[in-house]
Amino acid sequence: MKREFKDLVRFEHYEYLNSEITGDYDKAHAVKCVNGTFVGTEEYGVASWLGIPYAKAPVGGRRFKAPEYVDASDRVFEAKYYGKGAYGSLGYPDSVQQLESEDCLYLNIWVNTDDKTAKKPVMVWIHGGAYVVGSGSEASYSGANLVQAQSDIILVNINYRLNMYGFMDF
């Protein structure tokens, strides 16, 4: 049977975004931030918190302007799904699983759970893509494998505005 290219690539936009938690939650994986408490997950000895907003959505009157701090909140949110990537982020073959939006200012955090009391340096990974393509939400930029192998770091990666939404002067 001959396979066609369309059979090799599955294009499935996920609709999973982190929701507010109103009932009980896993306090062992809850992290309090200015903009709320975020409940992450743990798998294979790596804890992760995905899709945490680090600035207000740069839409409407905030488009093309400097990012603004998020509002303080006492609400509790799940942090198990990646945040949306910027428009133009679908530039790599493994990036087809994500949503694109102007509301793209999200970060992801991974930490090895072997030693929960030790202070660790923080490594911030900013994806490449010539300010045009890419996203910290791409599977190839997941920090789980690196943190599992290099247990003495905390890894953070970010989504940021691309193309004309973030780099008009290029």
C-alpha atoms as a PDB file:
ATOM      1  CA  MET A   1       0.000   0.000   0.000  1.00  0.00           C
ATOM      2  CA  LYS A   2       1.369   3.384  -0.955  1.00  0.00           C
ATOM      3  CA  ARG A   3       1.409   5.955   1.843  1.00  0.00           C
ATOM      4  CA  GLU A   4       0.766   9.564   1.071  1.00  0.00           C
ATOM      5  CA  PHE A   5       2.249  12.522   2.901  1.00  0.00           C
ATOM      6  CA  LYS A   6      -1.122  13.414   4.418  1.00  0.00           C
ATOM      7  CA  ASP A   7      -1.058  10.001   6.153  1.00  0.00           C
ATOM      8  CA  LEU A   8       2.305  10.731   7.763  1.00  0.00           C
ATOM      9  CA  VAL A   9       1.374  14.011   9.396  1.00  0.00           C
ATOM     10  CA  ARG A  10      -1.434  14.241  11.912  1.00  0.00           C
ATOM     11  CA  PHE A  11      -2.679  17.762  12.309  1.00  0.00           C
ATOM     12  CA  GLU A  12      -4.585  17.995  15.578  1.00  0.00           C
ATOM     13  CA  HIS A  13      -4.936  21.325  17.324  1.00  0.00           C
ATOM     14  CA  TYR A  14      -5.423  20.635  20.974  1.00  0.00           C
ATOM     15  CA  GLU A  15      -8.085  22.536  22.827  1.00  0.00           C
ATOM     16  CA  TYR A  16      -6.691  21.826  26.280  1.00  0.00           C
ATOM     17  CA  LEU A  17      -5.981  24.940  28.259  1.00  0.00           C
ATOM     18  CA  ASN A  18      -5.386  25.104  31.963  1.00  0.00           C
ATOM     19  CA  SER A  19      -8.602  25.551  33.897  1.00  0.00           C
ATOM     20  CA  GLU A  20      -9.368  27.018  37.275  1.00  0.00           C
ATOM     21  CA  ILE A  21      -9.606  24.456  40.079  1.00  0.00           C
ATOM     22  CA  THR A  22     -12.471  25.103  42.467  1.00  0.00           C
ATOM     23  CA  GLY A  23     -12.335  21.933  44.589  1.00  0.00           C
ATOM     24  CA  ASP A  24      -9.582  19.881  46.164  1.00  0.00           C
ATOM     25  CA  TYR A  25      -6.184  19.755  44.486  1.00  0.00           C
ATOM     26  CA  ASP A  26      -2.757  18.163  44.926  1.00  0.00           C
ATOM     27  CA  LYS A  27      -1.044  20.563  47.324  1.00  0.00           C
ATOM     28  CA  ALA A  28       2.277  18.699  46.912  1.00  0.00           C
ATOM     29  CA  HIS A  29       2.541  20.089  43.368  1.00  0.00           C
ATOM     30  CA  ALA A  30       0.997  23.500  44.037  1.00  0.00           C
ATOM     31  CA  VAL A  31       3.140  26.607  43.626  1.00  0.00           C
ATOM     32  CA  LYS A  32       1.920  30.032  44.768  1.00  0.00           C
ATOM     33  CA  CYS A  33       2.651  32.902  42.387  1.00  0.00           C
ATOM     34  CA  VAL A  34       1.465  36.499  42.241  1.00  0.00           C
ATOM     35  CA  ASN A  35      -1.186  35.622  39.668  1.00  0.00           C
ATOM     36  CA  GLY A  36      -2.509  32.532  41.469  1.00  0.00           C
ATOM     37  CA  THR A  37      -1.597  29.070  42.653  1.00  0.00           C
ATOM     38  CA  PHE A  38      -0.599  26.634  39.912  1.00  0.00           C
ATOM     39  CA  VAL A  39      -0.896  22.880  40.334  1.00  0.00           C
ATOM     40  CA  GLY A  40       1.608  20.948  38.256  1.00  0.00           C
ATOM     41  CA  THR A  41       2.153  17.267  37.599  1.00  0.00           C
ATOM     42  CA  GLU A  42       4.917  14.745  38.197  1.00  0.00           C
ATOM     43  CA  GLU A  43       5.987  11.996  35.839  1.00  0.00           C
ATOM     44  CA  TYR A  44       9.149   9.851  35.813  1.00  0.00           C
ATOM     45  CA  GLY A  45      10.746  11.869  38.607  1.00  0.00           C
ATOM     46  CA  VAL A  46      10.195  15.254  36.935  1.00  0.00           C
ATOM     47  CA  ALA A  47       7.667  17.808  38.169  1.00  0.00           C
ATOM     48  CA  SER A  48       6.321  20.262  35.608  1.00  0.00           C
ATOM     49  CA  TRP A  49       4.184  23.377  35.587  1.00  0.00           C
ATOM     50  CA  LEU A  50       3.063  24.258  32.057  1.00  0.00           C
ATOM     51  CA  GLY A  51       1.236  27.220  30.570  1.00  0.00           C
ATOM     52  CA  ILE A  52       1.740  29.754  33.355  1.00  0.00           C
ATOM     53  CA  PRO A  53       0.984  33.315  32.174  1.00  0.00           C
ATOM     54  CA  TYR A  54       3.869  35.686  32.897  1.00  0.00           C
ATOM     55  CA  ALA A  55       2.235  38.877  31.563  1.00  0.00           C
ATOM     56  CA  LYS A  56      -1.200  40.159  30.638  1.00  0.00           C
ATOM     57  CA  ALA A  57      -2.430  39.031  27.246  1.00  0.00           C
ATOM     58  CA  PRO A  58      -0.961  41.442  24.646  1.00  0.00           C
ATOM     59  CA  VAL A  59      -4.257  41.966  22.833  1.00  0.00           C
ATOM     60  CA  GLY A  60      -6.473  44.951  22.090  1.00  0.00           C
ATOM     61  CA  GLY A  61      -4.944  48.128  23.553  1.00  0.00           C
ATOM     62  CA  ARG A  62      -1.854  46.192  24.702  1.00  0.00           C
ATOM     63  CA  ARG A  63      -0.949  44.966  21.206  1.00  0.00           C
ATOM     64  CA  PHE A  64       2.461  46.284  20.084  1.00  0.00           C
ATOM     65  CA  LYS A  65       3.163  47.648  23.577  1.00  0.00           C
ATOM     66  CA  ALA A  66       5.495  46.507  26.334  1.00  0.00           C
ATOM     67  CA  PRO A  67       4.185  43.595  28.411  1.00  0.00           C
ATOM     68  CA  GLU A  68       2.249  44.429  31.568  1.00  0.00           C
ATOM     69  CA  TYR A  69       2.415  42.603  34.884  1.00  0.00           C
ATOM     70  CA  VAL A  70      -0.273  40.036  35.552  1.00  0.00           C
ATOM     71  CA  ASP A  71      -2.961  40.866  38.093  1.00  0.00           C
ATOM     72  CA  ALA A  72      -2.649  39.422  41.585  1.00  0.00           C
ATOM     73  CA  SER A  73      -4.989  36.521  42.278  1.00  0.00           C
ATOM     74  CA  ASP A  74      -5.790  33.966  44.965  1.00  0.00           C
ATOM     75  CA  ARG A  75      -7.372  31.574  42.456  1.00  0.00           C
ATOM     76  CA  VAL A  76      -6.010  28.061  41.844  1.00  0.00           C
ATOM     77  CA  PHE A  77      -5.280  26.782  38.320  1.00  0.00           C
ATOM     78  CA  GLU A  78      -4.094  23.531  36.843  1.00  0.00           C
ATOM     79  CA  ALA A  79      -0.723  23.771  35.091  1.00  0.00           C
ATOM     80  CA  LYS A  80      -0.626  20.624  32.999  1.00  0.00           C
ATOM     81  CA  TYR A  81      -1.091  21.946  29.460  1.00  0.00           C
ATOM     82  CA  TYR A  82       1.206  24.158  27.407  1.00  0.00           C
ATOM     83  CA  GLY A  83       0.120  27.735  26.800  1.00  0.00           C
ATOM     84  CA  LYS A  84      -0.698  29.021  23.344  1.00  0.00           C
ATOM     85  CA  GLY A  85       2.144  29.878  20.996  1.00  0.00           C
ATOM     86  CA  ALA A  86       2.468  33.124  19.066  1.00  0.00           C
ATOM     87  CA  TYR A  87       1.177  33.483  15.529  1.00  0.00           C
ATOM     88  CA  GLY A  88       3.853  32.084  13.276  1.00  0.00           C
ATOM     89  CA  SER A  89       4.917  29.429  15.749  1.00  0.00           C
ATOM     90  CA  LEU A  90       3.869  26.564  13.484  1.00  0.00           C
ATOM     91  CA  GLY A  91       7.202  26.571  11.696  1.00  0.00           C
ATOM     92  CA  TYR A  92       8.517  23.140  12.674  1.00  0.00           C
ATOM     93  CA  PRO A  93       7.091  19.673  11.971  1.00  0.00           C
ATOM     94  CA  ASP A  94       6.461  18.807  15.631  1.00  0.00           C
ATOM     95  CA  SER A  95       4.701  22.078  16.402  1.00  0.00           C
ATOM     96  CA  VAL A  96       1.380  21.143  14.820  1.00  0.00           C
ATOM     97  CA  GLN A  97      -0.147  20.194  18.178  1.00  0.00           C
ATOM     98  CA  GLN A  98      -0.401  23.708  19.552  1.00  0.00           C
ATOM     99  CA  LEU A  99      -2.759  26.625  19.421  1.00  0.00           C
ATOM    100  CA  GLU A 100      -1.630  29.987  18.085  1.00  0.00           C
ATOM    101  CA  SER A 101      -2.819  33.289  19.497  1.00  0.00           C
ATOM    102  CA  GLU A 102      -1.775  36.828  20.264  1.00  0.00           C
ATOM    103  CA  ASP A 103      -2.344  35.742  23.880  1.00  0.00           C
ATOM    104  CA  CYS A 104       0.965  33.855  23.961  1.00  0.00           C
ATOM    105  CA  LEU A 105       2.968  35.048  26.973  1.00  0.00           C
ATOM    106  CA  TYR A 106       3.256  31.769  28.883  1.00  0.00           C
ATOM    107  CA  LEU A 107       6.119  29.920  30.531  1.00  0.00           C
ATOM    108  CA  ASN A 108       6.837  26.299  31.442  1.00  0.00           C
ATOM    109  CA  ILE A 109       8.894  24.957  34.349  1.00  0.00           C
ATOM    110  CA  TRP A 110      10.526  21.566  34.975  1.00  0.00           C
ATOM    111  CA  VAL A 111      12.426  20.329  38.025  1.00  0.00           C
ATOM    112  CA  ASN A 112      13.811  16.934  39.015  1.00  0.00           C
ATOM    113  CA  THR A 113      12.098  15.680  42.157  1.00  0.00           C
ATOM    114  CA  ASP A 114      15.052  13.662  43.515  1.00  0.00           C
ATOM    115  CA  ASP A 115      16.082  16.338  45.996  1.00  0.00           C
ATOM    116  CA  LYS A 116      13.233  18.695  46.802  1.00  0.00           C
ATOM    117  CA  THR A 117      15.091  20.713  49.439  1.00  0.00           C
ATOM    118  CA  ALA A 118      18.260  21.663  47.551  1.00  0.00           C
ATOM    119  CA  LYS A 119      18.563  25.107  45.998  1.00  0.00           C
ATOM    120  CA  LYS A 120      19.178  24.796  42.273  1.00  0.00           C
ATOM    121  CA  PRO A 121      20.246  27.209  39.548  1.00  0.00           C
ATOM    122  CA  VAL A 122      17.593  28.234  37.054  1.00  0.00           C
ATOM    123  CA  MET A 123      18.263  27.760  33.348  1.00  0.00           C
ATOM    124  CA  VAL A 124      16.026  29.828  31.047  1.00  0.00           C
ATOM    125  CA  TRP A 125      15.706  28.390  27.544  1.00  0.00           C
ATOM    126  CA  ILE A 126      14.545  30.815  24.850  1.00  0.00           C
ATOM    127  CA  HIS A 127      13.692  29.015  21.631  1.00  0.00           C
ATOM    128  CA  GLY A 128      15.271  29.984  18.336  1.00  0.00           C
ATOM    129  CA  GLY A 129      13.473  30.669  15.082  1.00  0.00           C
ATOM    130  CA  ALA A 130      14.807  34.045  13.950  1.00  0.00           C
ATOM    131  CA  TYR A 131      11.966  35.841  15.800  1.00  0.00           C
ATOM    132  CA  VAL A 132       9.574  34.406  13.217  1.00  0.00           C
ATOM    133  CA  VAL A 133       8.788  30.775  14.136  1.00  0.00           C
ATOM    134  CA  GLY A 134       8.969  28.476  17.123  1.00  0.00           C
ATOM    135  CA  SER A 135       7.487  28.162  20.577  1.00  0.00           C
ATOM    136  CA  GLY A 136       8.431  26.984  24.040  1.00  0.00           C
ATOM    137  CA  SER A 137       5.345  24.770  23.763  1.00  0.00           C
ATOM    138  CA  GLU A 138       6.877  22.572  21.071  1.00  0.00           C
ATOM    139  CA  ALA A 139       7.510  18.969  22.040  1.00  0.00           C
ATOM    140  CA  SER A 140      11.160  19.286  21.002  1.00  0.00           C
ATOM    141  CA  TYR A 141      11.675  21.990  23.649  1.00  0.00           C
ATOM    142  CA  SER A 142      10.180  20.034  26.537  1.00  0.00           C
ATOM    143  CA  GLY A 143      12.534  20.299  29.494  1.00  0.00           C
ATOM    144  CA  ALA A 144      11.582  16.937  30.993  1.00  0.00           C
ATOM    145  CA  ASN A 145      14.420  14.917  29.448  1.00  0.00           C
ATOM    146  CA  LEU A 146      17.108  17.476  30.247  1.00  0.00           C
ATOM    147  CA  VAL A 147      15.987  17.883  33.848  1.00  0.00           C
ATOM    148  CA  GLN A 148      15.731  14.125  34.272  1.00  0.00           C
ATOM    149  CA  ALA A 149      19.327  13.707  33.080  1.00  0.00           C
ATOM    150  CA  GLN A 150      20.718  16.889  34.674  1.00  0.00           C
ATOM    151  CA  SER A 151      18.988  16.828  38.040  1.00  0.00           C
ATOM    152  CA  ASP A 152      20.677  19.871  39.563  1.00  0.00           C
ATOM    153  CA  ILE A 153      18.810  22.546  37.565  1.00  0.00           C
ATOM    154  CA  ILE A 154      15.383  24.090  37.245  1.00  0.00           C
ATOM    155  CA  LEU A 155      14.509  24.636  33.588  1.00  0.00           C
ATOM    156  CA  VAL A 156      12.174  27.388  32.389  1.00  0.00           C
ATOM    157  CA  ASN A 157      11.196  28.090  28.796  1.00  0.00           C
ATOM    158  CA  ILE A 158       8.888  30.745  27.413  1.00  0.00           C
ATOM    159  CA  ASN A 159       6.580  31.627  24.580  1.00  0.00           C
ATOM    160  CA  TYR A 160       6.969  35.170  23.331  1.00  0.00           C
ATOM    161  CA  ARG A 161       5.547  37.367  20.589  1.00  0.00           C
ATOM    162  CA  LEU A 162       6.894  36.657  17.108  1.00  0.00           C
ATOM    163  CA  ASN A 163       6.875  38.387  13.732  1.00  0.00           C
ATOM    164  CA  MET A 164       5.249  41.798  13.553  1.00  0.00           C
ATOM    165  CA  TYR A 165       3.590  41.309  16.951  1.00  0.00           C
ATOM    166  CA  GLY A 166       6.917  41.414  18.748  1.00  0.00           C
ATOM    167  CA  PHE A 167       9.627  42.532  16.343  1.00  0.00           C
ATOM    168  CA  MET A 168       8.336  45.266  14.050  1.00  0.00           C
ATOM    169  CA  ASP A 169      11.748  46.907  13.903  1.00  0.00           C
ATOM    170  CA  PHE A 170      13.451  43.945  12.192  1.00  0.00           C
END
